[in-house]
Amino acid sequence: MLVQPFVAATPSIPASQTAVDPARLEAHVRKLSVDFHPRRYDQPENIARTVDYIAAALKATGAPITMQEIVVAGRPYQNVIARYGPQAGPLLVIGAHYDSYNITPGADDNASAVAGLLELARLLGAKPPSRAIELVAYAFEEQPRAQGKADMGSAWHAKALRAANRDVDLMLSLEMIGYFTDAPNSQRFPAPGLSYIYPDRGDFIALVGQLRDFGAMRRVKSAMAGATSLPVHSLNSPRRVPGIENSDHVNFWDAGYPALMVTDTAYLRNPNYHQASDTWQTLDYRRMAQVVQGVHAVARQPGF
């Protein structure tokens, strides 16, 4: 495993020019976790309302929108795809799943990441990037994990990109980005020994990737670390480490694309994971905004 503790931060454009709004993030999370609760696969009305809300927010940024139909258990559902920057050139894909586990509110998991995606869209719409970017809200990360990865919305997207022979520089999976704590011993780890390397407080954002994505990890970590004061820690690891595969990036790995997960580490930190207590009031929107600021700094990079 490679932890890359010493990576120089890349100075970013001034925050005043790319201001992420914590209040907007909170409003999105509240809408998704309260008004559209539960966002479970077998609640088609709530899923449809969620998709409409996301599509409207993305369309308001001026981006072209594509609704990618997928079929799960004989029912049609949709990924929502927004395009920014030039049509040609290798893609940067940034995605987040919009469904929630069981009947939980799913504020951190994963309304936080969808809210971040929508705020990122606002920034990219205001100042289009120089590179081709797809922002994607994915159907079905939660339930299909028990049935097989092929049903996941991100699997459909990755396979479609591969079938079209589309070059993908990198995929970033936003997976729970809103829970932070300064309490001592609040952070746990997926493998023995990591507690000697990483902080024991859940006050950082984590980047997770495969060993082969070491170079991409360095560039992403550098850009994010240069954008805000939020600590950024990283792990390049074999896929057998528990939890490493647990989000939409895994389907891009399987399709042969480089991909990283951006996460607050989920159940390794957040006691509300997959619980009824995963509500909008439990999130830290100031630090969540810093995560989005960091991802926006990555999106402003010319390439990888």
C-alpha atoms as a PDB file:
ATOM      1  CA  MET A   1       0.000   0.000   0.000  1.00  0.00           C
ATOM      2  CA  LEU A   2       1.151   3.530  -0.805  1.00  0.00           C
ATOM      3  CA  VAL A   3       0.000   6.471   1.310  1.00  0.00           C
ATOM      4  CA  GLN A   4       1.849   9.393  -0.345  1.00  0.00           C
ATOM      5  CA  PRO A   5       2.197  11.503   2.806  1.00  0.00           C
ATOM      6  CA  PHE A   6       4.377  14.130   1.121  1.00  0.00           C
ATOM      7  CA  VAL A   7       2.769  15.673  -1.950  1.00  0.00           C
ATOM      8  CA  ALA A   8       3.304  19.333  -2.745  1.00  0.00           C
ATOM      9  CA  ALA A   9       0.107  21.350  -2.953  1.00  0.00           C
ATOM     10  CA  THR A  10      -0.647  22.951  -6.305  1.00  0.00           C
ATOM     11  CA  PRO A  11      -1.680  26.599  -5.806  1.00  0.00           C
ATOM     12  CA  SER A  12      -5.277  27.037  -6.928  1.00  0.00           C
ATOM     13  CA  ILE A  13      -7.176  29.975  -8.341  1.00  0.00           C
ATOM     14  CA  PRO A  14      -8.431  32.292  -5.586  1.00  0.00           C
ATOM     15  CA  ALA A  15     -11.385  30.953  -3.638  1.00  0.00           C
ATOM     16  CA  SER A  16     -13.215  34.233  -4.195  1.00  0.00           C
ATOM     17  CA  GLN A  17     -13.399  33.327  -7.889  1.00  0.00           C
ATOM     18  CA  THR A  18     -14.778  29.829  -7.261  1.00  0.00           C
ATOM     19  CA  ALA A  19     -16.790  30.257  -4.085  1.00  0.00           C
ATOM     20  CA  VAL A  20     -18.634  27.121  -3.008  1.00  0.00           C
ATOM     21  CA  ASP A  21     -21.750  27.980  -1.032  1.00  0.00           C
ATOM     22  CA  PRO A  22     -22.339  25.863   2.122  1.00  0.00           C
ATOM     23  CA  ALA A  23     -25.951  27.082   2.255  1.00  0.00           C
ATOM     24  CA  ARG A  24     -26.626  25.714  -1.240  1.00  0.00           C
ATOM     25  CA  LEU A  25     -25.112  22.387  -0.233  1.00  0.00           C
ATOM     26  CA  GLU A  26     -27.355  22.226   2.829  1.00  0.00           C
ATOM     27  CA  ALA A  27     -30.444  23.093   0.791  1.00  0.00           C
ATOM     28  CA  HIS A  28     -29.732  20.305  -1.693  1.00  0.00           C
ATOM     29  CA  VAL A  29     -29.095  17.760   1.058  1.00  0.00           C
ATOM     30  CA  ARG A  30     -32.299  18.698   2.869  1.00  0.00           C
ATOM     31  CA  LYS A  31     -34.319  18.428  -0.339  1.00  0.00           C
ATOM     32  CA  LEU A  32     -32.945  15.007  -1.198  1.00  0.00           C
ATOM     33  CA  SER A  33     -32.989  13.499   2.291  1.00  0.00           C
ATOM     34  CA  VAL A  34     -36.310  14.944   3.477  1.00  0.00           C
ATOM     35  CA  ASP A  35     -38.590  15.669   0.513  1.00  0.00           C
ATOM     36  CA  PHE A  36     -37.533  12.642  -1.555  1.00  0.00           C
ATOM     37  CA  HIS A  37     -37.096  10.173   1.285  1.00  0.00           C
ATOM     38  CA  PRO A  38     -36.593   7.281   0.812  1.00  0.00           C
ATOM     39  CA  ARG A  39     -34.594   7.196  -2.429  1.00  0.00           C
ATOM     40  CA  ARG A  40     -34.655   3.423  -2.562  1.00  0.00           C
ATOM     41  CA  TYR A  41     -34.743   1.372  -5.764  1.00  0.00           C
ATOM     42  CA  ASP A  42     -38.315   0.185  -5.120  1.00  0.00           C
ATOM     43  CA  GLN A  43     -39.714   3.705  -4.614  1.00  0.00           C
ATOM     44  CA  PRO A  44     -40.166   4.761  -8.277  1.00  0.00           C
ATOM     45  CA  GLU A  45     -42.051   7.972  -7.477  1.00  0.00           C
ATOM     46  CA  ASN A  46     -39.310   9.266  -5.186  1.00  0.00           C
ATOM     47  CA  ILE A  47     -36.632   8.147  -7.605  1.00  0.00           C
ATOM     48  CA  ALA A  48     -38.401  10.005 -10.431  1.00  0.00           C
ATOM     49  CA  ARG A  49     -38.669  13.168  -8.314  1.00  0.00           C
ATOM     50  CA  THR A  50     -34.995  12.897  -7.436  1.00  0.00           C
ATOM     51  CA  VAL A  51     -34.009  12.517 -11.090  1.00  0.00           C
ATOM     52  CA  ASP A  52     -36.184  15.479 -12.114  1.00  0.00           C
ATOM     53  CA  TYR A  53     -34.643  17.648  -9.389  1.00  0.00           C
ATOM     54  CA  ILE A  54     -31.079  16.758 -10.374  1.00  0.00           C
ATOM     55  CA  ALA A  55     -31.754  17.198 -14.089  1.00  0.00           C
ATOM     56  CA  ALA A  56     -33.365  20.611 -13.543  1.00  0.00           C
ATOM     57  CA  ALA A  57     -30.438  21.806 -11.411  1.00  0.00           C
ATOM     58  CA  LEU A  58     -27.903  20.638 -13.996  1.00  0.00           C
ATOM     59  CA  LYS A  59     -29.875  22.087 -16.897  1.00  0.00           C
ATOM     60  CA  ALA A  60     -30.007  25.452 -15.108  1.00  0.00           C
ATOM     61  CA  THR A  61     -26.211  25.673 -15.412  1.00  0.00           C
ATOM     62  CA  GLY A  62     -26.506  25.703 -19.203  1.00  0.00           C
ATOM     63  CA  ALA A  63     -25.077  22.239 -19.725  1.00  0.00           C
ATOM     64  CA  PRO A  64     -26.394  19.763 -22.299  1.00  0.00           C
ATOM     65  CA  ILE A  65     -28.173  16.962 -20.427  1.00  0.00           C
ATOM     66  CA  THR A  66     -28.432  13.304 -21.407  1.00  0.00           C
ATOM     67  CA  MET A  67     -30.701  10.822 -19.651  1.00  0.00           C
ATOM     68  CA  GLN A  68     -29.064   7.408 -19.912  1.00  0.00           C
ATOM     69  CA  GLU A  69     -31.708   4.733 -19.470  1.00  0.00           C
ATOM     70  CA  ILE A  70     -30.808   1.618 -17.512  1.00  0.00           C
ATOM     71  CA  VAL A  71     -32.968  -1.358 -16.652  1.00  0.00           C
ATOM     72  CA  VAL A  72     -32.945  -2.977 -13.207  1.00  0.00           C
ATOM     73  CA  ALA A  73     -35.243  -5.908 -12.382  1.00  0.00           C
ATOM     74  CA  GLY A  74     -37.249  -5.157 -15.516  1.00  0.00           C
ATOM     75  CA  ARG A  75     -37.833  -1.507 -14.585  1.00  0.00           C
ATOM     76  CA  PRO A  76     -36.362   1.503 -16.450  1.00  0.00           C
ATOM     77  CA  TYR A  77     -34.302   4.004 -14.463  1.00  0.00           C
ATOM     78  CA  GLN A  78     -31.914   6.776 -15.439  1.00  0.00           C
ATOM     79  CA  ASN A  79     -28.433   8.155 -15.021  1.00  0.00           C
ATOM     80  CA  VAL A  80     -28.331  11.940 -15.426  1.00  0.00           C
ATOM     81  CA  ILE A  81     -25.310  13.153 -17.421  1.00  0.00           C
ATOM     82  CA  ALA A  82     -24.240  16.787 -17.871  1.00  0.00           C
ATOM     83  CA  ARG A  83     -21.428  17.817 -20.244  1.00  0.00           C
ATOM     84  CA  TYR A  84     -19.036  20.752 -19.745  1.00  0.00           C
ATOM     85  CA  GLY A  85     -16.115  22.034 -21.763  1.00  0.00           C
ATOM     86  CA  PRO A  86     -15.172  20.915 -25.280  1.00  0.00           C
ATOM     87  CA  GLN A  87     -16.821  17.936 -26.926  1.00  0.00           C
ATOM     88  CA  ALA A  88     -13.529  16.397 -27.997  1.00  0.00           C
ATOM     89  CA  GLY A  89     -10.661  15.155 -25.876  1.00  0.00           C
ATOM     90  CA  PRO A  90     -10.261  12.696 -23.007  1.00  0.00           C
ATOM     91  CA  LEU A  91     -12.970  12.886 -20.365  1.00  0.00           C
ATOM     92  CA  LEU A  92     -12.827  13.673 -16.703  1.00  0.00           C
ATOM     93  CA  VAL A  93     -15.867  11.913 -15.215  1.00  0.00           C
ATOM     94  CA  ILE A  94     -17.131  12.999 -11.799  1.00  0.00           C
ATOM     95  CA  GLY A  95     -20.027  10.953 -10.450  1.00  0.00           C
ATOM     96  CA  ALA A  96     -22.171  10.347  -7.383  1.00  0.00           C
ATOM     97  CA  HIS A  97     -25.011   7.907  -6.772  1.00  0.00           C
ATOM     98  CA  TYR A  98     -28.358   9.419  -5.847  1.00  0.00           C
ATOM     99  CA  ASP A  99     -30.085   6.405  -4.285  1.00  0.00           C
ATOM    100  CA  SER A 100     -30.103   5.692  -0.554  1.00  0.00           C
ATOM    101  CA  TYR A 101     -29.815   2.534   1.502  1.00  0.00           C
ATOM    102  CA  ASN A 102     -33.066   0.901   2.553  1.00  0.00           C
ATOM    103  CA  ILE A 103     -35.403   3.546   4.055  1.00  0.00           C
ATOM    104  CA  THR A 104     -32.711   5.745   5.585  1.00  0.00           C
ATOM    105  CA  PRO A 105     -32.669   9.504   4.846  1.00  0.00           C
ATOM    106  CA  GLY A 106     -29.253   9.058   3.246  1.00  0.00           C
ATOM    107  CA  ALA A 107     -27.976  12.558   3.989  1.00  0.00           C
ATOM    108  CA  ASP A 108     -24.291  11.722   4.003  1.00  0.00           C
ATOM    109  CA  ASP A 109     -24.864   8.543   1.974  1.00  0.00           C
ATOM    110  CA  ASN A 110     -25.159   9.935  -0.602  1.00  0.00           C
ATOM    111  CA  ALA A 111     -27.111  13.204  -0.756  1.00  0.00           C
ATOM    112  CA  SER A 112     -23.909  14.951   0.362  1.00  0.00           C
ATOM    113  CA  ALA A 113     -22.097  13.892  -2.810  1.00  0.00           C
ATOM    114  CA  VAL A 114     -25.042  14.708  -5.084  1.00  0.00           C
ATOM    115  CA  ALA A 115     -25.232  18.163  -3.499  1.00  0.00           C
ATOM    116  CA  GLY A 116     -21.510  18.543  -4.149  1.00  0.00           C
ATOM    117  CA  LEU A 117     -22.030  17.495  -7.756  1.00  0.00           C
ATOM    118  CA  LEU A 118     -24.755  20.115  -8.241  1.00  0.00           C
ATOM    119  CA  GLU A 119     -22.650  22.865  -6.683  1.00  0.00           C
ATOM    120  CA  LEU A 120     -19.705  21.834  -8.837  1.00  0.00           C
ATOM    121  CA  ALA A 121     -22.010  22.067 -11.869  1.00  0.00           C
ATOM    122  CA  ARG A 122     -22.900  25.628 -10.932  1.00  0.00           C
ATOM    123  CA  LEU A 123     -19.222  26.584 -10.868  1.00  0.00           C
ATOM    124  CA  LEU A 124     -18.441  24.865 -14.174  1.00  0.00           C
ATOM    125  CA  GLY A 125     -21.457  26.459 -15.807  1.00  0.00           C
ATOM    126  CA  ALA A 126     -20.352  29.923 -14.670  1.00  0.00           C
ATOM    127  CA  LYS A 127     -16.830  29.430 -16.013  1.00  0.00           C
ATOM    128  CA  PRO A 128     -16.587  26.515 -18.485  1.00  0.00           C
ATOM    129  CA  PRO A 129     -13.501  24.318 -18.154  1.00  0.00           C
ATOM    130  CA  SER A 130     -10.842  23.890 -20.830  1.00  0.00           C
ATOM    131  CA  ARG A 131     -11.224  20.104 -20.769  1.00  0.00           C
ATOM    132  CA  ALA A 132     -14.131  17.751 -21.448  1.00  0.00           C
ATOM    133  CA  ILE A 133     -16.014  16.883 -18.259  1.00  0.00           C
ATOM    134  CA  GLU A 134     -19.056  14.738 -17.555  1.00  0.00           C
ATOM    135  CA  LEU A 135     -20.888  15.138 -14.258  1.00  0.00           C
ATOM    136  CA  VAL A 136     -23.055  12.087 -13.650  1.00  0.00           C
ATOM    137  CA  ALA A 137     -25.734  11.317 -11.053  1.00  0.00           C
ATOM    138  CA  TYR A 138     -25.903   7.530 -10.908  1.00  0.00           C
ATOM    139  CA  ALA A 139     -28.789   5.206 -10.208  1.00  0.00           C
ATOM    140  CA  PHE A 140     -28.372   2.219  -7.947  1.00  0.00           C
ATOM    141  CA  GLU A 141     -25.146   1.990  -6.062  1.00  0.00           C
ATOM    142  CA  GLU A 142     -26.820   0.658  -2.924  1.00  0.00           C
ATOM    143  CA  GLN A 143     -29.204  -2.216  -3.632  1.00  0.00           C
ATOM    144  CA  PRO A 144     -27.366  -3.805  -6.586  1.00  0.00           C
ATOM    145  CA  ARG A 145     -24.239  -4.260  -4.456  1.00  0.00           C
ATOM    146  CA  ALA A 146     -25.978  -7.333  -3.033  1.00  0.00           C
ATOM    147  CA  GLN A 147     -27.083  -8.525  -6.473  1.00  0.00           C
ATOM    148  CA  GLY A 148     -24.011  -7.861  -8.607  1.00  0.00           C
ATOM    149  CA  LYS A 149     -22.216  -4.816  -9.942  1.00  0.00           C
ATOM    150  CA  ALA A 150     -23.765  -5.089 -13.414  1.00  0.00           C
ATOM    151  CA  ASP A 151     -26.978  -3.414 -12.213  1.00  0.00           C
ATOM    152  CA  MET A 152     -25.221  -0.284 -10.941  1.00  0.00           C
ATOM    153  CA  GLY A 153     -25.799   2.885 -12.923  1.00  0.00           C
ATOM    154  CA  SER A 154     -22.058   3.505 -13.027  1.00  0.00           C
ATOM    155  CA  ALA A 155     -21.536   0.090 -14.644  1.00  0.00           C
ATOM    156  CA  TRP A 156     -23.915   1.054 -17.453  1.00  0.00           C
ATOM    157  CA  HIS A 157     -22.101   4.366 -17.909  1.00  0.00           C
ATOM    158  CA  ALA A 158     -18.585   2.879 -17.901  1.00  0.00           C
ATOM    159  CA  LYS A 159     -19.595   0.156 -20.361  1.00  0.00           C
ATOM    160  CA  ALA A 160     -21.183   2.715 -22.685  1.00  0.00           C
ATOM    161  CA  LEU A 161     -18.006   4.817 -22.660  1.00  0.00           C
ATOM    162  CA  ARG A 162     -15.898   1.732 -23.384  1.00  0.00           C
ATOM    163  CA  ALA A 163     -18.246   0.619 -26.177  1.00  0.00           C
ATOM    164  CA  ALA A 164     -17.938   4.093 -27.740  1.00  0.00           C
ATOM    165  CA  ASN A 165     -14.147   3.823 -27.450  1.00  0.00           C
ATOM    166  CA  ARG A 166     -14.131   7.032 -25.404  1.00  0.00           C
ATOM    167  CA  ASP A 167     -10.889   8.023 -23.731  1.00  0.00           C
ATOM    168  CA  VAL A 168     -11.285   8.685 -20.004  1.00  0.00           C
ATOM    169  CA  ASP A 169      -8.409  10.432 -18.247  1.00  0.00           C
ATOM    170  CA  LEU A 170      -9.896   9.820 -14.825  1.00  0.00           C
ATOM    171  CA  MET A 171     -13.113   9.075 -12.973  1.00  0.00           C
ATOM    172  CA  LEU A 172     -13.757  10.573  -9.531  1.00  0.00           C
ATOM    173  CA  SER A 173     -16.440   8.884  -7.440  1.00  0.00           C
ATOM    174  CA  LEU A 174     -17.882  11.193  -4.770  1.00  0.00           C
ATOM    175  CA  GLU A 175     -18.980   8.874  -1.964  1.00  0.00           C
ATOM    176  CA  MET A 176     -20.085  10.490   1.312  1.00  0.00           C
ATOM    177  CA  ILE A 177     -18.332  13.864   1.647  1.00  0.00           C
ATOM    178  CA  GLY A 178     -20.192  15.580   4.491  1.00  0.00           C
ATOM    179  CA  TYR A 179     -19.330  14.036   7.861  1.00  0.00           C
ATOM    180  CA  PHE A 180     -16.375  15.385   9.844  1.00  0.00           C
ATOM    181  CA  THR A 181     -15.439  15.282  13.502  1.00  0.00           C
ATOM    182  CA  ASP A 182     -12.583  16.595  15.633  1.00  0.00           C
ATOM    183  CA  ALA A 183     -13.157  14.045  18.399  1.00  0.00           C
ATOM    184  CA  PRO A 184     -10.070  11.997  19.364  1.00  0.00           C
ATOM    185  CA  ASN A 185     -10.124   8.361  18.197  1.00  0.00           C
ATOM    186  CA  SER A 186     -13.101   9.048  15.905  1.00  0.00           C
ATOM    187  CA  GLN A 187     -11.382   7.613  12.827  1.00  0.00           C
ATOM    188  CA  ARG A 188     -11.041   3.885  12.152  1.00  0.00           C
ATOM    189  CA  PHE A 189      -9.182   2.104   9.344  1.00  0.00           C
ATOM    190  CA  PRO A 190      -9.767  -0.852   7.009  1.00  0.00           C
ATOM    191  CA  ALA A 191      -6.447  -2.605   7.628  1.00  0.00           C
ATOM    192  CA  PRO A 192      -4.016  -3.115  10.534  1.00  0.00           C
ATOM    193  CA  GLY A 193      -1.186  -0.622  10.792  1.00  0.00           C
ATOM    194  CA  LEU A 194      -2.895   2.278   9.059  1.00  0.00           C
ATOM    195  CA  SER A 195      -3.664   3.897  12.396  1.00  0.00           C
ATOM    196  CA  TYR A 196       0.083   4.552  12.753  1.00  0.00           C
ATOM    197  CA  ILE A 197       0.110   6.559   9.523  1.00  0.00           C
ATOM    198  CA  TYR A 198      -3.164   8.480   9.442  1.00  0.00           C
ATOM    199  CA  PRO A 199      -4.798  10.834  11.986  1.00  0.00           C
ATOM    200  CA  ASP A 200      -7.097   9.406  14.657  1.00  0.00           C
ATOM    201  CA  ARG A 201      -9.613  12.233  14.128  1.00  0.00           C
ATOM    202  CA  GLY A 202     -12.147  12.265  11.300  1.00  0.00           C
ATOM    203  CA  ASP A 203     -11.222  15.768  10.213  1.00  0.00           C
ATOM    204  CA  PHE A 204      -9.910  15.048   6.704  1.00  0.00           C
ATOM    205  CA  ILE A 205     -11.109  13.998   3.266  1.00  0.00           C
ATOM    206  CA  ALA A 206      -9.695  10.768   1.845  1.00  0.00           C
ATOM    207  CA  LEU A 207      -8.717   9.738  -1.671  1.00  0.00           C
ATOM    208  CA  VAL A 208      -8.682   6.015  -2.444  1.00  0.00           C
ATOM    209  CA  GLY A 209      -7.278   4.317  -5.516  1.00  0.00           C
ATOM    210  CA  GLN A 210      -5.534   1.270  -6.908  1.00  0.00           C
ATOM    211  CA  LEU A 211      -1.760   0.909  -6.911  1.00  0.00           C
ATOM    212  CA  ARG A 212      -1.709   1.469 -10.673  1.00  0.00           C
ATOM    213  CA  ASP A 213      -3.348   4.897 -10.264  1.00  0.00           C
ATOM    214  CA  PHE A 214      -0.440   6.296  -8.239  1.00  0.00           C
ATOM    215  CA  GLY A 215       0.298   9.120 -10.686  1.00  0.00           C
ATOM    216  CA  ALA A 216      -3.313  10.251 -10.939  1.00  0.00           C
ATOM    217  CA  MET A 217      -3.545  10.174  -7.138  1.00  0.00           C
ATOM    218  CA  ARG A 218      -0.560  12.504  -6.779  1.00  0.00           C
ATOM    219  CA  ARG A 219      -2.029  15.043  -9.194  1.00  0.00           C
ATOM    220  CA  VAL A 220      -5.514  14.972  -7.656  1.00  0.00           C
ATOM    221  CA  LYS A 221      -4.201  15.160  -4.113  1.00  0.00           C
ATOM    222  CA  SER A 222      -1.923  18.050  -5.015  1.00  0.00           C
ATOM    223  CA  ALA A 223      -4.752  20.022  -6.627  1.00  0.00           C
ATOM    224  CA  MET A 224      -7.166  19.430  -3.752  1.00  0.00           C
ATOM    225  CA  ALA A 225      -4.577  20.224  -1.085  1.00  0.00           C
ATOM    226  CA  GLY A 226      -3.810  23.518  -2.797  1.00  0.00           C
ATOM    227  CA  ALA A 227      -7.438  24.611  -2.936  1.00  0.00           C
ATOM    228  CA  THR A 228      -8.348  24.789   0.774  1.00  0.00           C
ATOM    229  CA  SER A 229      -6.996  24.235   4.280  1.00  0.00           C
ATOM    230  CA  LEU A 230      -8.878  20.923   4.624  1.00  0.00           C
ATOM    231  CA  PRO A 231      -6.417  18.034   5.144  1.00  0.00           C
ATOM    232  CA  VAL A 232      -6.319  15.571   2.227  1.00  0.00           C
ATOM    233  CA  HIS A 233      -5.043  12.032   2.817  1.00  0.00           C
ATOM    234  CA  SER A 234      -4.653   9.293   0.237  1.00  0.00           C
ATOM    235  CA  LEU A 235      -4.302   5.544  -0.077  1.00  0.00           C
ATOM    236  CA  ASN A 236      -3.283   3.500  -3.106  1.00  0.00           C
ATOM    237  CA  SER A 237      -4.107  -0.065  -2.236  1.00  0.00           C
ATOM    238  CA  PRO A 238      -4.748  -3.570  -3.572  1.00  0.00           C
ATOM    239  CA  ARG A 239      -8.444  -4.180  -4.198  1.00  0.00           C
ATOM    240  CA  ARG A 240      -8.597  -6.881  -1.521  1.00  0.00           C
ATOM    241  CA  VAL A 241      -8.433  -4.282   1.280  1.00  0.00           C
ATOM    242  CA  PRO A 242     -11.960  -4.073   2.807  1.00  0.00           C
ATOM    243  CA  GLY A 243     -14.053  -1.156   1.565  1.00  0.00           C
ATOM    244  CA  ILE A 244     -11.706  -0.135  -1.244  1.00  0.00           C
ATOM    245  CA  GLU A 245     -14.197  -1.173  -3.933  1.00  0.00           C
ATOM    246  CA  ASN A 246     -17.347   0.119  -2.242  1.00  0.00           C
ATOM    247  CA  SER A 247     -18.582   2.751  -4.671  1.00  0.00           C
ATOM    248  CA  ASP A 248     -19.059   3.635  -8.316  1.00  0.00           C
ATOM    249  CA  HIS A 249     -15.354   3.880  -9.150  1.00  0.00           C
ATOM    250  CA  VAL A 250     -15.122   0.062  -9.085  1.00  0.00           C
ATOM    251  CA  ASN A 251     -17.000  -0.193 -12.385  1.00  0.00           C
ATOM    252  CA  PHE A 252     -14.490   2.107 -14.067  1.00  0.00           C
ATOM    253  CA  TRP A 253     -11.674  -0.069 -12.723  1.00  0.00           C
ATOM    254  CA  ASP A 254     -13.424  -3.075 -14.229  1.00  0.00           C
ATOM    255  CA  ALA A 255     -13.729  -1.230 -17.565  1.00  0.00           C
ATOM    256  CA  GLY A 256      -9.992  -0.497 -17.527  1.00  0.00           C
ATOM    257  CA  TYR A 257     -10.245   3.201 -16.677  1.00  0.00           C
ATOM    258  CA  PRO A 258      -8.312   4.993 -13.907  1.00  0.00           C
ATOM    259  CA  ALA A 259     -10.585   6.009 -11.045  1.00  0.00           C
ATOM    260  CA  LEU A 260     -10.402   7.359  -7.490  1.00  0.00           C
ATOM    261  CA  MET A 261     -12.923   7.576  -4.662  1.00  0.00           C
ATOM    262  CA  VAL A 262     -13.318  10.860  -2.762  1.00  0.00           C
ATOM    263  CA  THR A 263     -14.801  10.039   0.643  1.00  0.00           C
ATOM    264  CA  ASP A 264     -15.185  10.940   4.295  1.00  0.00           C
ATOM    265  CA  THR A 265     -14.534   7.189   4.867  1.00  0.00           C
ATOM    266  CA  ALA A 266     -18.178   6.259   5.561  1.00  0.00           C
ATOM    267  CA  TYR A 267     -18.620   3.649   8.324  1.00  0.00           C
ATOM    268  CA  LEU A 268     -15.000   4.077   9.380  1.00  0.00           C
ATOM    269  CA  ARG A 269     -16.000   7.472  10.797  1.00  0.00           C
ATOM    270  CA  ASN A 270     -19.715   8.185  10.567  1.00  0.00           C
ATOM    271  CA  PRO A 271     -21.801   6.373  13.231  1.00  0.00           C
ATOM    272  CA  ASN A 272     -24.943   7.184  11.218  1.00  0.00           C
ATOM    273  CA  TYR A 273     -23.905   5.099   8.217  1.00  0.00           C
ATOM    274  CA  HIS A 274     -26.937   3.181   6.866  1.00  0.00           C
ATOM    275  CA  GLN A 275     -28.969   4.283   9.889  1.00  0.00           C
ATOM    276  CA  ALA A 276     -32.141   6.340  10.331  1.00  0.00           C
ATOM    277  CA  SER A 277     -29.909   8.911  12.033  1.00  0.00           C
ATOM    278  CA  ASP A 278     -28.141   9.802   8.747  1.00  0.00           C
ATOM    279  CA  THR A 279     -29.916  13.163   8.595  1.00  0.00           C
ATOM    280  CA  TRP A 280     -29.061  16.561   7.168  1.00  0.00           C
ATOM    281  CA  GLN A 281     -28.457  18.035  10.639  1.00  0.00           C
ATOM    282  CA  THR A 282     -25.429  15.770  11.203  1.00  0.00           C
ATOM    283  CA  LEU A 283     -23.286  17.145   8.364  1.00  0.00           C
ATOM    284  CA  ASP A 284     -20.565  19.793   8.370  1.00  0.00           C
ATOM    285  CA  TYR A 285     -21.412  22.000   5.392  1.00  0.00           C
ATOM    286  CA  ARG A 286     -18.403  24.286   5.816  1.00  0.00           C
ATOM    287  CA  ARG A 287     -15.924  21.445   5.436  1.00  0.00           C
ATOM    288  CA  MET A 288     -18.115  19.802   2.829  1.00  0.00           C
ATOM    289  CA  ALA A 289     -17.785  23.016   0.806  1.00  0.00           C
ATOM    290  CA  GLN A 290     -14.014  22.693   1.064  1.00  0.00           C
ATOM    291  CA  VAL A 291     -14.223  19.220  -0.453  1.00  0.00           C
ATOM    292  CA  VAL A 292     -16.173  20.592  -3.409  1.00  0.00           C
ATOM    293  CA  GLN A 293     -13.677  23.445  -3.689  1.00  0.00           C
ATOM    294  CA  GLY A 294     -10.928  20.851  -3.949  1.00  0.00           C
ATOM    295  CA  VAL A 295     -12.745  18.802  -6.591  1.00  0.00           C
ATOM    296  CA  HIS A 296     -13.346  21.980  -8.566  1.00  0.00           C
ATOM    297  CA  ALA A 297      -9.592  22.639  -8.481  1.00  0.00           C
ATOM    298  CA  VAL A 298      -9.109  19.178 -10.031  1.00  0.00           C
ATOM    299  CA  ALA A 299     -11.677  19.983 -12.732  1.00  0.00           C
ATOM    300  CA  ARG A 300      -9.795  23.184 -13.593  1.00  0.00           C
ATOM    301  CA  GLN A 301      -6.598  21.219 -14.305  1.00  0.00           C
ATOM    302  CA  PRO A 302      -5.859  20.982 -18.062  1.00  0.00           C
ATOM    303  CA  GLY A 303      -5.363  17.204 -18.002  1.00  0.00           C
ATOM    304  CA  PHE A 304      -3.765  14.196 -16.319  1.00  0.00           C
END
